[in-house]
């Protein structure tokens, strides 16, 4: 079972690419969202509302990062299944 997984994973560049892109995009969305949220400011009378806006924005960035990671994991799984059928012809 593990050997079969490793053989398919080694011969499936699409699966490897999807996993790497998923991890990379997850980190970029989290770090980019944190950077944007921490530098968010509103001048004038609305300035006191900035703190109440930052928390929902931070939560949105976290949820979006997990959605992106989930989509890449689904793509990697589909690619793995396709390559497993191609290699082992079940």
N, C-alpha and C. Protein backbone atom coordinates (compact mmCIF):
# COMPACT_ATOMS: atom_id res chain seq x y z
N UNK A 1 0.82 -1.19 0.00
CA UNK A 1 0.00 0.00 0.00
C UNK A 1 0.87 1.26 0.00
N UNK A 2 1.80 1.35 0.95
CA UNK A 2 2.69 2.51 1.01
C UNK A 2 3.62 2.54 -0.19
N UNK A 3 4.09 1.37 -0.60
CA UNK A 3 4.98 1.30 -1.76
C UNK A 3 4.26 1.75 -3.02
N UNK A 4 3.01 1.34 -3.15
CA UNK A 4 2.22 1.75 -4.31
C UNK A 4 2.04 3.26 -4.31
N UNK A 5 1.74 3.83 -3.15
CA UNK A 5 1.58 5.28 -3.05
C UNK A 5 2.87 6.00 -3.44
N UNK A 6 4.00 5.52 -2.96
CA UNK A 6 5.28 6.17 -3.26
C UNK A 6 5.65 6.06 -4.74
N UNK A 7 5.34 4.92 -5.35
CA UNK A 7 5.63 4.75 -6.78
C UNK A 7 4.78 5.71 -7.61
N UNK A 8 3.50 5.77 -7.30
CA UNK A 8 2.62 6.67 -8.04
C UNK A 8 3.02 8.12 -7.79
N UNK A 9 3.33 8.46 -6.56
CA UNK A 9 3.71 9.83 -6.24
C UNK A 9 5.01 10.22 -6.95
N UNK A 10 5.96 9.29 -7.05
CA UNK A 10 7.22 9.58 -7.72
C UNK A 10 7.04 9.77 -9.23
N UNK A 11 6.05 9.11 -9.81
CA UNK A 11 5.82 9.19 -11.26
C UNK A 11 4.70 10.16 -11.62
N UNK A 12 4.29 10.99 -10.70
CA UNK A 12 3.18 11.91 -10.95
C UNK A 12 3.62 13.36 -10.69
N UNK A 13 4.17 14.01 -11.68
CA UNK A 13 4.60 15.40 -11.46
C UNK A 13 3.43 16.35 -11.23
N UNK A 14 2.26 16.02 -11.78
CA UNK A 14 1.09 16.89 -11.54
C UNK A 14 0.68 16.87 -10.08
N UNK A 15 0.73 15.71 -9.46
CA UNK A 15 0.40 15.61 -8.04
C UNK A 15 1.41 16.36 -7.20
N UNK A 16 2.68 16.18 -7.50
CA UNK A 16 3.73 16.88 -6.76
C UNK A 16 3.58 18.39 -6.91
N UNK A 17 3.33 18.84 -8.13
CA UNK A 17 3.17 20.27 -8.39
C UNK A 17 1.96 20.83 -7.64
N UNK A 18 0.88 20.10 -7.63
CA UNK A 18 -0.32 20.57 -6.94
C UNK A 18 -0.09 20.68 -5.44
N UNK A 19 0.63 19.72 -4.86
CA UNK A 19 0.92 19.79 -3.42
C UNK A 19 1.84 20.95 -3.09
N UNK A 20 2.90 21.13 -3.90
CA UNK A 20 3.81 22.25 -3.64
C UNK A 20 3.10 23.59 -3.82
N UNK A 21 2.31 23.72 -4.87
CA UNK A 21 1.58 24.97 -5.07
C UNK A 21 0.57 25.22 -3.97
N UNK A 22 -0.05 24.16 -3.46
CA UNK A 22 -0.98 24.32 -2.36
C UNK A 22 -0.32 24.85 -1.10
N UNK A 23 0.82 24.27 -0.75
CA UNK A 23 1.53 24.72 0.45
C UNK A 23 2.05 26.14 0.25
N UNK A 24 2.61 26.41 -0.93
CA UNK A 24 3.15 27.74 -1.20
C UNK A 24 2.06 28.80 -1.21
N UNK A 25 0.94 28.52 -1.86
CA UNK A 25 -0.14 29.50 -1.90
C UNK A 25 -0.78 29.69 -0.53
N UNK A 26 -0.85 28.63 0.26
CA UNK A 26 -1.37 28.75 1.62
C UNK A 26 -0.52 29.73 2.42
N UNK A 27 0.80 29.55 2.35
CA UNK A 27 1.70 30.44 3.10
C UNK A 27 1.64 31.86 2.56
N UNK A 28 1.59 32.02 1.24
CA UNK A 28 1.55 33.37 0.66
C UNK A 28 0.26 34.10 1.01
N UNK A 29 -0.85 33.40 0.99
CA UNK A 29 -2.12 34.04 1.35
C UNK A 29 -2.12 34.44 2.83
N UNK A 30 -1.61 33.55 3.69
CA UNK A 30 -1.56 33.91 5.11
C UNK A 30 -0.65 35.10 5.38
N UNK A 31 0.57 35.06 4.82
CA UNK A 31 1.51 36.16 5.06
C UNK A 31 1.06 37.44 4.37
N UNK A 32 0.58 37.33 3.15
CA UNK A 32 0.09 38.51 2.44
C UNK A 32 -1.12 39.12 3.12
N UNK A 33 -2.04 38.29 3.56
CA UNK A 33 -3.22 38.79 4.27
C UNK A 33 -2.85 39.45 5.58
N UNK A 34 -1.90 38.85 6.31
CA UNK A 34 -1.46 39.46 7.57
C UNK A 34 -0.79 40.80 7.32
N UNK A 35 -0.01 40.89 6.25
CA UNK A 35 0.64 42.15 5.91
C UNK A 35 -0.39 43.22 5.57
N UNK A 36 -1.38 42.86 4.75
CA UNK A 36 -2.40 43.83 4.37
C UNK A 36 -3.26 44.26 5.55
N UNK A 37 -3.60 43.32 6.42
CA UNK A 37 -4.43 43.64 7.57
C UNK A 37 -3.66 44.50 8.57
N UNK A 38 -2.40 44.21 8.77
CA UNK A 38 -1.63 44.98 9.75
C UNK A 38 -1.35 46.40 9.25
N UNK A 39 -1.31 46.61 7.94
CA UNK A 39 -1.06 47.95 7.40
C UNK A 39 -2.35 48.67 6.99
N UNK A 40 -3.47 48.11 7.33
CA UNK A 40 -4.76 48.72 6.99
C UNK A 40 -5.01 49.91 7.91
N UNK A 41 -5.30 51.06 7.32
CA UNK A 41 -5.64 52.24 8.12
C UNK A 41 -6.63 53.09 7.34
N UNK A 42 -7.43 53.81 8.08
CA UNK A 42 -8.43 54.70 7.50
C UNK A 42 -8.24 56.07 8.13
N UNK A 43 -8.05 57.09 7.34
CA UNK A 43 -7.87 58.43 7.92
C UNK A 43 -9.20 59.07 8.28
N UNK A 44 -9.14 60.02 9.16
CA UNK A 44 -10.31 60.82 9.48
C UNK A 44 -11.17 60.24 10.59
N UNK A 45 -12.47 60.49 10.45
CA UNK A 45 -13.41 60.12 11.50
C UNK A 45 -13.59 58.61 11.64
N UNK A 46 -13.27 57.86 10.62
CA UNK A 46 -13.46 56.42 10.65
C UNK A 46 -12.29 55.67 11.28
N UNK A 47 -11.26 56.38 11.70
CA UNK A 47 -10.06 55.75 12.25
C UNK A 47 -10.35 54.86 13.46
N UNK A 48 -11.26 55.21 14.37
CA UNK A 48 -11.52 54.31 15.50
C UNK A 48 -12.13 52.96 15.11
N UNK A 49 -12.68 52.86 13.92
CA UNK A 49 -13.30 51.60 13.48
C UNK A 49 -12.30 50.60 12.90
N UNK A 50 -11.04 51.02 12.77
CA UNK A 50 -10.05 50.16 12.12
C UNK A 50 -9.87 48.85 12.89
N UNK A 51 -9.80 48.90 14.20
CA UNK A 51 -9.60 47.68 14.99
C UNK A 51 -10.77 46.71 14.85
N UNK A 52 -11.97 47.24 14.75
CA UNK A 52 -13.12 46.35 14.61
C UNK A 52 -13.22 45.76 13.20
N UNK A 53 -12.55 46.37 12.25
CA UNK A 53 -12.55 45.85 10.89
C UNK A 53 -11.42 44.84 10.69
N UNK A 54 -10.32 45.00 11.40
CA UNK A 54 -9.16 44.14 11.21
C UNK A 54 -9.43 42.67 11.55
N UNK A 55 -10.13 42.41 12.61
CA UNK A 55 -10.37 41.02 13.01
C UNK A 55 -11.18 40.24 11.99
N UNK A 56 -12.30 40.77 11.47
CA UNK A 56 -13.00 40.01 10.42
C UNK A 56 -12.17 39.85 9.15
N UNK A 57 -11.34 40.85 8.82
CA UNK A 57 -10.48 40.73 7.65
C UNK A 57 -9.44 39.64 7.86
N UNK A 58 -8.88 39.55 9.06
CA UNK A 58 -7.89 38.51 9.37
C UNK A 58 -8.55 37.13 9.30
N UNK A 59 -9.76 37.02 9.82
CA UNK A 59 -10.49 35.76 9.74
C UNK A 59 -10.80 35.36 8.31
N UNK A 60 -11.15 36.34 7.48
CA UNK A 60 -11.41 36.07 6.08
C UNK A 60 -10.15 35.56 5.38
N UNK A 61 -9.01 36.15 5.68
CA UNK A 61 -7.74 35.72 5.06
C UNK A 61 -7.41 34.28 5.47
N UNK A 62 -7.66 33.92 6.71
CA UNK A 62 -7.39 32.56 7.17
C UNK A 62 -8.31 31.57 6.47
N UNK A 63 -9.58 31.89 6.39
CA UNK A 63 -10.54 31.00 5.71
C UNK A 63 -10.19 30.87 4.24
N UNK A 64 -9.83 31.98 3.60
CA UNK A 64 -9.46 31.94 2.19
C UNK A 64 -8.22 31.09 1.96
N UNK A 65 -7.24 31.18 2.87
CA UNK A 65 -6.02 30.38 2.75
C UNK A 65 -6.35 28.88 2.84
N UNK A 66 -7.24 28.51 3.75
CA UNK A 66 -7.62 27.10 3.86
C UNK A 66 -8.44 26.63 2.65
N UNK A 67 -9.24 27.51 2.08
CA UNK A 67 -9.99 27.15 0.88
C UNK A 67 -9.04 26.90 -0.29
N UNK A 68 -8.04 27.76 -0.44
CA UNK A 68 -7.06 27.59 -1.50
C UNK A 68 -6.29 26.28 -1.30
N UNK A 69 -5.87 26.01 -0.07
CA UNK A 69 -5.16 24.77 0.22
C UNK A 69 -6.04 23.56 -0.07
N UNK A 70 -7.30 23.62 0.30
CA UNK A 70 -8.23 22.52 0.04
C UNK A 70 -8.42 22.27 -1.44
N UNK A 71 -8.51 23.32 -2.24
CA UNK A 71 -8.67 23.16 -3.67
C UNK A 71 -7.45 22.49 -4.30
N UNK A 72 -6.27 22.88 -3.85
CA UNK A 72 -5.06 22.24 -4.37
C UNK A 72 -4.96 20.79 -3.91
N UNK A 73 -5.40 20.49 -2.71
CA UNK A 73 -5.39 19.09 -2.25
C UNK A 73 -6.36 18.24 -3.05
N UNK A 74 -7.51 18.80 -3.38
CA UNK A 74 -8.47 18.07 -4.22
C UNK A 74 -7.88 17.82 -5.60
N UNK A 75 -7.21 18.84 -6.17
CA UNK A 75 -6.57 18.66 -7.48
C UNK A 75 -5.48 17.61 -7.41
N UNK A 76 -4.69 17.61 -6.33
CA UNK A 76 -3.63 16.62 -6.18
C UNK A 76 -4.22 15.22 -6.06
N UNK A 77 -5.31 15.07 -5.32
CA UNK A 77 -5.96 13.77 -5.15
C UNK A 77 -6.49 13.25 -6.48
N UNK A 78 -7.13 14.12 -7.25
CA UNK A 78 -7.66 13.71 -8.55
C UNK A 78 -6.53 13.30 -9.49
N UNK A 79 -5.46 14.05 -9.46
CA UNK A 79 -4.31 13.72 -10.30
C UNK A 79 -3.68 12.40 -9.87
N UNK A 80 -3.60 12.18 -8.57
CA UNK A 80 -3.05 10.93 -8.05
C UNK A 80 -3.89 9.74 -8.50
N UNK A 81 -5.20 9.86 -8.39
CA UNK A 81 -6.10 8.76 -8.80
C UNK A 81 -5.95 8.48 -10.29
N UNK A 82 -5.87 9.53 -11.10
CA UNK A 82 -5.73 9.36 -12.54
C UNK A 82 -4.40 8.66 -12.87
N UNK A 83 -3.32 9.08 -12.23
CA UNK A 83 -2.03 8.46 -12.50
C UNK A 83 -1.94 7.05 -11.93
N UNK A 84 -2.62 6.79 -10.85
CA UNK A 84 -2.65 5.43 -10.29
C UNK A 84 -3.35 4.47 -11.24
N UNK A 85 -4.44 4.92 -11.83
CA UNK A 85 -5.14 4.09 -12.82
C UNK A 85 -4.27 3.88 -14.05
N UNK A 86 -3.53 4.93 -14.44
CA UNK A 86 -2.68 4.83 -15.62
C UNK A 86 -1.51 3.87 -15.37
N UNK A 87 -0.92 3.93 -14.19
CA UNK A 87 0.26 3.11 -13.91
C UNK A 87 -0.08 1.65 -13.59
N UNK A 88 -1.13 1.44 -12.80
CA UNK A 88 -1.43 0.09 -12.35
C UNK A 88 -2.60 -0.55 -13.09
N UNK A 89 -3.38 0.23 -13.84
CA UNK A 89 -4.45 -0.28 -14.68
C UNK A 89 -5.37 -1.25 -13.96
N UNK A 90 -5.99 -0.76 -12.89
CA UNK A 90 -6.90 -1.59 -12.11
C UNK A 90 -8.21 -1.77 -12.82
